[in-house]
Amino acid sequence: MLLRGDVEIVGADGAPLPRRRKTIALCRCGSSALMPLCDGTHKLVWKPGRDNARRRAVAADED
């Protein structure tokens, strides 16, 4: 998910996350090492024909 404009991102601890760019990407697959930011890991873990619903459930359990 891309966010553009003057938006403040807050971490789980309530502290604002620093922004270095005007447009940032948030992770939606649950696999990023930079949560809540996207690091592109979805390109490695989401493959056509794979059980992506199972991956989503695992990511949700980690929260």
PDB file of N, CA and C in Angstrom:
ATOM      1  N   MET A   1       0.849  -1.153   0.000  1.00  0.00           N
ATOM      2  CA  MET A   1       0.000   0.000   0.000  1.00  0.00           C
ATOM      3  C   MET A   1       0.904   1.227   0.000  1.00  0.00           C
ATOM      4  N   LEU A   2       0.685   2.121  -0.930  1.00  0.00           N
ATOM      5  CA  LEU A   2       1.476   3.342  -1.003  1.00  0.00           C
ATOM      6  C   LEU A   2       0.761   4.478  -0.300  1.00  0.00           C
ATOM      7  N   LEU A   3       1.516   5.231   0.477  1.00  0.00           N
ATOM      8  CA  LEU A   3       0.996   6.425   1.142  1.00  0.00           C
ATOM      9  C   LEU A   3       1.740   7.628   0.593  1.00  0.00           C
ATOM     10  N   ARG A   4       0.967   8.620   0.184  1.00  0.00           N
ATOM     11  CA  ARG A   4       1.554   9.852  -0.340  1.00  0.00           C
ATOM     12  C   ARG A   4       1.007  11.024   0.445  1.00  0.00           C
ATOM     13  N   GLY A   5       1.827  12.039   0.605  1.00  0.00           N
ATOM     14  CA  GLY A   5       1.372  13.251   1.261  1.00  0.00           C
ATOM     15  C   GLY A   5       1.824  13.338   2.705  1.00  0.00           C
ATOM     16  N   ASP A   6       1.190  14.234   3.431  1.00  0.00           N
ATOM     17  CA  ASP A   6       1.557  14.529   4.813  1.00  0.00           C
ATOM     18  C   ASP A   6       0.825  13.581   5.766  1.00  0.00           C
ATOM     19  N   VAL A   7       1.345  12.373   5.890  1.00  0.00           N
ATOM     20  CA  VAL A   7       0.738  11.342   6.732  1.00  0.00           C
ATOM     21  C   VAL A   7       1.757  10.924   7.781  1.00  0.00           C
ATOM     22  N   GLU A   8       1.329  10.840   9.035  1.00  0.00           N
ATOM     23  CA  GLU A   8       2.227  10.392  10.097  1.00  0.00           C
ATOM     24  C   GLU A   8       2.004   8.904  10.350  1.00  0.00           C
ATOM     25  N   ILE A   9       3.079   8.133  10.338  1.00  0.00           N
ATOM     26  CA  ILE A   9       3.032   6.703  10.624  1.00  0.00           C
ATOM     27  C   ILE A   9       3.506   6.515  12.056  1.00  0.00           C
ATOM     28  N   VAL A  10       2.727   5.772  12.841  1.00  0.00           N
ATOM     29  CA  VAL A  10       3.039   5.562  14.250  1.00  0.00           C
ATOM     30  C   VAL A  10       3.285   4.080  14.472  1.00  0.00           C
ATOM     31  N   GLY A  11       4.359   3.746  15.186  1.00  0.00           N
ATOM     32  CA  GLY A  11       4.696   2.360  15.486  1.00  0.00           C
ATOM     33  C   GLY A  11       3.821   1.789  16.581  1.00  0.00           C
ATOM     34  N   ALA A  12       4.011   0.517  16.887  1.00  0.00           N
ATOM     35  CA  ALA A  12       3.221  -0.164  17.912  1.00  0.00           C
ATOM     36  C   ALA A  12       3.394   0.476  19.284  1.00  0.00           C
ATOM     37  N   ASP A  13       4.539   1.093  19.513  1.00  0.00           N
ATOM     38  CA  ASP A  13       4.797   1.739  20.800  1.00  0.00           C
ATOM     39  C   ASP A  13       4.257   3.161  20.865  1.00  0.00           C
ATOM     40  N   GLY A  14       3.642   3.636  19.779  1.00  0.00           N
ATOM     41  CA  GLY A  14       3.061   4.967  19.744  1.00  0.00           C
ATOM     42  C   GLY A  14       4.017   6.050  19.267  1.00  0.00           C
ATOM     43  N   ALA A  15       5.268   5.701  19.051  1.00  0.00           N
ATOM     44  CA  ALA A  15       6.256   6.675  18.585  1.00  0.00           C
ATOM     45  C   ALA A  15       6.156   6.837  17.071  1.00  0.00           C
ATOM     46  N   PRO A  16       6.225   8.072  16.589  1.00  0.00           N
ATOM     47  CA  PRO A  16       6.170   8.279  15.137  1.00  0.00           C
ATOM     48  C   PRO A  16       7.407   7.711  14.447  1.00  0.00           C
ATOM     49  N   LEU A  17       7.188   7.123  13.279  1.00  0.00           N
ATOM     50  CA  LEU A  17       8.290   6.581  12.488  1.00  0.00           C
ATOM     51  C   LEU A  17       8.831   7.682  11.578  1.00  0.00           C
ATOM     52  N   PRO A  18      10.148   7.764  11.435  1.00  0.00           N
ATOM     53  CA  PRO A  18      10.719   8.802  10.564  1.00  0.00           C
ATOM     54  C   PRO A  18      10.384   8.547   9.099  1.00  0.00           C
ATOM     55  N   ARG A  19      10.170   9.632   8.371  1.00  0.00           N
ATOM     56  CA  ARG A  19       9.899   9.541   6.933  1.00  0.00           C
ATOM     57  C   ARG A  19      11.031  10.188   6.183  1.00  0.00           C
ATOM     58  N   ARG A  20      11.574   9.471   5.230  1.00  0.00           N
ATOM     59  CA  ARG A  20      12.674   9.996   4.427  1.00  0.00           C
ATOM     60  C   ARG A  20      12.222  10.362   3.015  1.00  0.00           C
ATOM     61  N   ARG A  21      11.012   9.957   2.664  1.00  0.00           N
ATOM     62  CA  ARG A  21      10.489  10.203   1.317  1.00  0.00           C
ATOM     63  C   ARG A  21       9.064  10.717   1.406  1.00  0.00           C
ATOM     64  N   LYS A  22       8.598  11.322   0.317  1.00  0.00           N
ATOM     65  CA  LYS A  22       7.218  11.802   0.264  1.00  0.00           C
ATOM     66  C   LYS A  22       6.236  10.657   0.080  1.00  0.00           C
ATOM     67  N   THR A  23       6.675   9.576  -0.568  1.00  0.00           N
ATOM     68  CA  THR A  23       5.839   8.396  -0.787  1.00  0.00           C
ATOM     69  C   THR A  23       6.490   7.215  -0.089  1.00  0.00           C
ATOM     70  N   ILE A  24       5.705   6.497   0.718  1.00  0.00           N
ATOM     71  CA  ILE A  24       6.227   5.315   1.405  1.00  0.00           C
ATOM     72  C   ILE A  24       5.294   4.139   1.153  1.00  0.00           C
ATOM     73  N   ALA A  25       5.829   2.942   1.282  1.00  0.00           N
ATOM     74  CA  ALA A  25       5.052   1.720   1.061  1.00  0.00           C
ATOM     75  C   ALA A  25       4.896   0.983   2.387  1.00  0.00           C
ATOM     76  N   LEU A  26       3.672   0.611   2.711  1.00  0.00           N
ATOM     77  CA  LEU A  26       3.397  -0.183   3.900  1.00  0.00           C
ATOM     78  C   LEU A  26       3.281  -1.650   3.516  1.00  0.00           C
ATOM     79  N   CYS A  27       3.750  -2.528   4.395  1.00  0.00           N
ATOM     80  CA  CYS A  27       3.685  -3.969   4.150  1.00  0.00           C
ATOM     81  C   CYS A  27       2.251  -4.462   4.321  1.00  0.00           C
ATOM     82  N   ARG A  28       1.810  -5.294   3.392  1.00  0.00           N
ATOM     83  CA  ARG A  28       0.494  -5.920   3.493  1.00  0.00           C
ATOM     84  C   ARG A  28       0.582  -7.433   3.541  1.00  0.00           C
ATOM     85  N   CYS A  29       1.794  -7.983   3.297  1.00  0.00           N
ATOM     86  CA  CYS A  29       1.925  -9.443   3.273  1.00  0.00           C
ATOM     87  C   CYS A  29       2.314 -10.007   4.635  1.00  0.00           C
ATOM     88  N   GLY A  30       2.840  -9.162   5.525  1.00  0.00           N
ATOM     89  CA  GLY A  30       3.226  -9.620   6.852  1.00  0.00           C
ATOM     90  C   GLY A  30       4.615 -10.221   6.928  1.00  0.00           C
ATOM     91  N   SER A  31       5.401 -10.128   5.865  1.00  0.00           N
ATOM     92  CA  SER A  31       6.713 -10.771   5.833  1.00  0.00           C
ATOM     93  C   SER A  31       7.886  -9.798   5.896  1.00  0.00           C
ATOM     94  N   SER A  32       7.629  -8.517   5.902  1.00  0.00           N
ATOM     95  CA  SER A  32       8.694  -7.523   5.870  1.00  0.00           C
ATOM     96  C   SER A  32       9.528  -7.537   7.147  1.00  0.00           C
ATOM     97  N   ALA A  33      10.818  -7.345   6.999  1.00  0.00           N
ATOM     98  CA  ALA A  33      11.711  -7.201   8.153  1.00  0.00           C
ATOM     99  C   ALA A  33      11.693  -5.768   8.671  1.00  0.00           C
ATOM    100  N   LEU A  34      11.036  -4.871   7.943  1.00  0.00           N
ATOM    101  CA  LEU A  34      10.976  -3.458   8.313  1.00  0.00           C
ATOM    102  C   LEU A  34       9.581  -3.033   8.744  1.00  0.00           C
ATOM    103  N   MET A  35       8.778  -3.964   9.231  1.00  0.00           N
ATOM    104  CA  MET A  35       7.390  -3.655   9.573  1.00  0.00           C
ATOM    105  C   MET A  35       7.302  -2.347  10.337  1.00  0.00           C
ATOM    106  N   PRO A  36       6.329  -1.517  10.020  1.00  0.00           N
ATOM    107  CA  PRO A  36       5.219  -1.716   9.091  1.00  0.00           C
ATOM    108  C   PRO A  36       5.545  -1.336   7.649  1.00  0.00           C
ATOM    109  N   LEU A  37       6.812  -1.049   7.358  1.00  0.00           N
ATOM    110  CA  LEU A  37       7.192  -0.654   6.008  1.00  0.00           C
ATOM    111  C   LEU A  37       7.475  -1.865   5.131  1.00  0.00           C
ATOM    112  N   CYS A  38       7.237  -1.721   3.848  1.00  0.00           N
ATOM    113  CA  CYS A  38       7.498  -2.789   2.881  1.00  0.00           C
ATOM    114  C   CYS A  38       8.979  -2.823   2.532  1.00  0.00           C
ATOM    115  N   ASP A  39       9.554  -4.024   2.510  1.00  0.00           N
ATOM    116  CA  ASP A  39      10.946  -4.183   2.080  1.00  0.00           C
ATOM    117  C   ASP A  39      11.058  -5.040   0.821  1.00  0.00           C
ATOM    118  N   GLY A  40       9.928  -5.360   0.195  1.00  0.00           N
ATOM    119  CA  GLY A  40       9.927  -6.134  -1.043  1.00  0.00           C
ATOM    120  C   GLY A  40       9.932  -7.639  -0.855  1.00  0.00           C
ATOM    121  N   THR A  41       9.874  -8.118   0.380  1.00  0.00           N
ATOM    122  CA  THR A  41       9.906  -9.556   0.651  1.00  0.00           C
ATOM    123  C   THR A  41       8.742 -10.287  -0.008  1.00  0.00           C
ATOM    124  N   HIS A  42       7.625  -9.596  -0.217  1.00  0.00           N
ATOM    125  CA  HIS A  42       6.457 -10.236  -0.832  1.00  0.00           C
ATOM    126  C   HIS A  42       6.796 -10.842  -2.190  1.00  0.00           C
ATOM    127  N   LYS A  43       7.789 -10.295  -2.862  1.00  0.00           N
ATOM    128  CA  LYS A  43       8.195 -10.838  -4.162  1.00  0.00           C
ATOM    129  C   LYS A  43       8.798 -12.232  -4.025  1.00  0.00           C
ATOM    130  N   LEU A  44       9.350 -12.525  -2.854  1.00  0.00           N
ATOM    131  CA  LEU A  44       9.965 -13.831  -2.615  1.00  0.00           C
ATOM    132  C   LEU A  44       8.984 -14.853  -2.060  1.00  0.00           C
ATOM    133  N   VAL A  45       8.032 -14.418  -1.225  1.00  0.00           N
ATOM    134  CA  VAL A  45       7.160 -15.371  -0.533  1.00  0.00           C
ATOM    135  C   VAL A  45       5.817 -15.590  -1.213  1.00  0.00           C
ATOM    136  N   TRP A  46       5.371 -14.680  -2.055  1.00  0.00           N
ATOM    137  CA  TRP A  46       4.075 -14.814  -2.720  1.00  0.00           C
ATOM    138  C   TRP A  46       4.295 -15.286  -4.148  1.00  0.00           C
ATOM    139  N   LYS A  47       4.040 -16.542  -4.383  1.00  0.00           N
ATOM    140  CA  LYS A  47       4.235 -17.134  -5.703  1.00  0.00           C
ATOM    141  C   LYS A  47       2.898 -17.617  -6.257  1.00  0.00           C
ATOM    142  N   PRO A  48       2.683 -17.508  -7.568  1.00  0.00           N
ATOM    143  CA  PRO A  48       1.456 -18.036  -8.165  1.00  0.00           C
ATOM    144  C   PRO A  48       1.319 -19.532  -7.880  1.00  0.00           C
ATOM    145  N   GLY A  49       0.118 -19.943  -7.543  1.00  0.00           N
ATOM    146  CA  GLY A  49      -0.145 -21.353  -7.280  1.00  0.00           C
ATOM    147  C   GLY A  49       0.157 -21.782  -5.855  1.00  0.00           C
ATOM    148  N   ARG A  50       0.731 -20.902  -5.061  1.00  0.00           N
ATOM    149  CA  ARG A  50       1.022 -21.222  -3.666  1.00  0.00           C
ATOM    150  C   ARG A  50      -0.176 -20.907  -2.800  1.00  0.00           C
ATOM    151  N   ASP A  51      -0.244 -21.506  -1.627  1.00  0.00           N
ATOM    152  CA  ASP A  51      -1.351 -21.254  -0.711  1.00  0.00           C
ATOM    153  C   ASP A  51      -1.099 -19.942   0.028  1.00  0.00           C
ATOM    154  N   ASN A  52      -1.414 -18.821  -0.616  1.00  0.00           N
ATOM    155  CA  ASN A  52      -1.171 -17.512  -0.030  1.00  0.00           C
ATOM    156  C   ASN A  52      -2.067 -17.229   1.164  1.00  0.00           C
ATOM    157  N   ALA A  53      -3.236 -17.837   1.222  1.00  0.00           N
ATOM    158  CA  ALA A  53      -4.119 -17.652   2.372  1.00  0.00           C
ATOM    159  C   ALA A  53      -3.447 -18.189   3.634  1.00  0.00           C
ATOM    160  N   ARG A  54      -2.726 -19.289   3.509  1.00  0.00           N
ATOM    161  CA  ARG A  54      -2.009 -19.857   4.655  1.00  0.00           C
ATOM    162  C   ARG A  54      -0.915 -18.895   5.119  1.00  0.00           C
ATOM    163  N   ARG A  55      -0.210 -18.276   4.198  1.00  0.00           N
ATOM    164  CA  ARG A  55       0.844 -17.322   4.549  1.00  0.00           C
ATOM    165  C   ARG A  55       0.257 -16.130   5.291  1.00  0.00           C
ATOM    166  N   ARG A  56      -0.909 -15.663   4.850  1.00  0.00           N
ATOM    167  CA  ARG A  56      -1.576 -14.555   5.527  1.00  0.00           C
ATOM    168  C   ARG A  56      -1.924 -14.922   6.958  1.00  0.00           C
ATOM    169  N   ALA A  57      -2.406 -16.143   7.174  1.00  0.00           N
ATOM    170  CA  ALA A  57      -2.781 -16.592   8.516  1.00  0.00           C
ATOM    171  C   ALA A  57      -1.560 -16.666   9.421  1.00  0.00           C
ATOM    172  N   VAL A  58      -0.441 -17.132   8.907  1.00  0.00           N
ATOM    173  CA  VAL A  58       0.793 -17.201   9.696  1.00  0.00           C
ATOM    174  C   VAL A  58       1.244 -15.799  10.072  1.00  0.00           C
ATOM    175  N   ALA A  59       1.187 -14.865   9.132  1.00  0.00           N
ATOM    176  CA  ALA A  59       1.587 -13.489   9.405  1.00  0.00           C
ATOM    177  C   ALA A  59       0.683 -12.863  10.464  1.00  0.00           C
ATOM    178  N   ALA A  60      -0.614 -13.151  10.414  1.00  0.00           N
ATOM    179  CA  ALA A  60      -1.547 -12.605  11.399  1.00  0.00           C
ATOM    180  C   ALA A  60      -1.271 -13.163  12.790  1.00  0.00           C
ATOM    181  N   ASP A  61      -0.869 -14.422  12.873  1.00  0.00           N
ATOM    182  CA  ASP A  61      -0.561 -15.029  14.167  1.00  0.00           C
ATOM    183  C   ASP A  61       0.670 -14.419  14.807  1.00  0.00           C
ATOM    184  N   GLU A  62       1.585 -13.883  13.999  1.00  0.00           N
ATOM    185  CA  GLU A  62       2.815 -13.299  14.520  1.00  0.00           C
ATOM    186  C   GLU A  62       2.571 -11.952  15.168  1.00  0.00           C
ATOM    187  N   ASP A  63       1.428 -11.324  14.889  1.00  0.00           N
ATOM    188  CA  ASP A  63       1.116 -10.011  15.478  1.00  0.00           C
ATOM    189  C   ASP A  63       0.816 -10.161  16.891  1.00  0.00           C
TER     190      ASP A  63
END
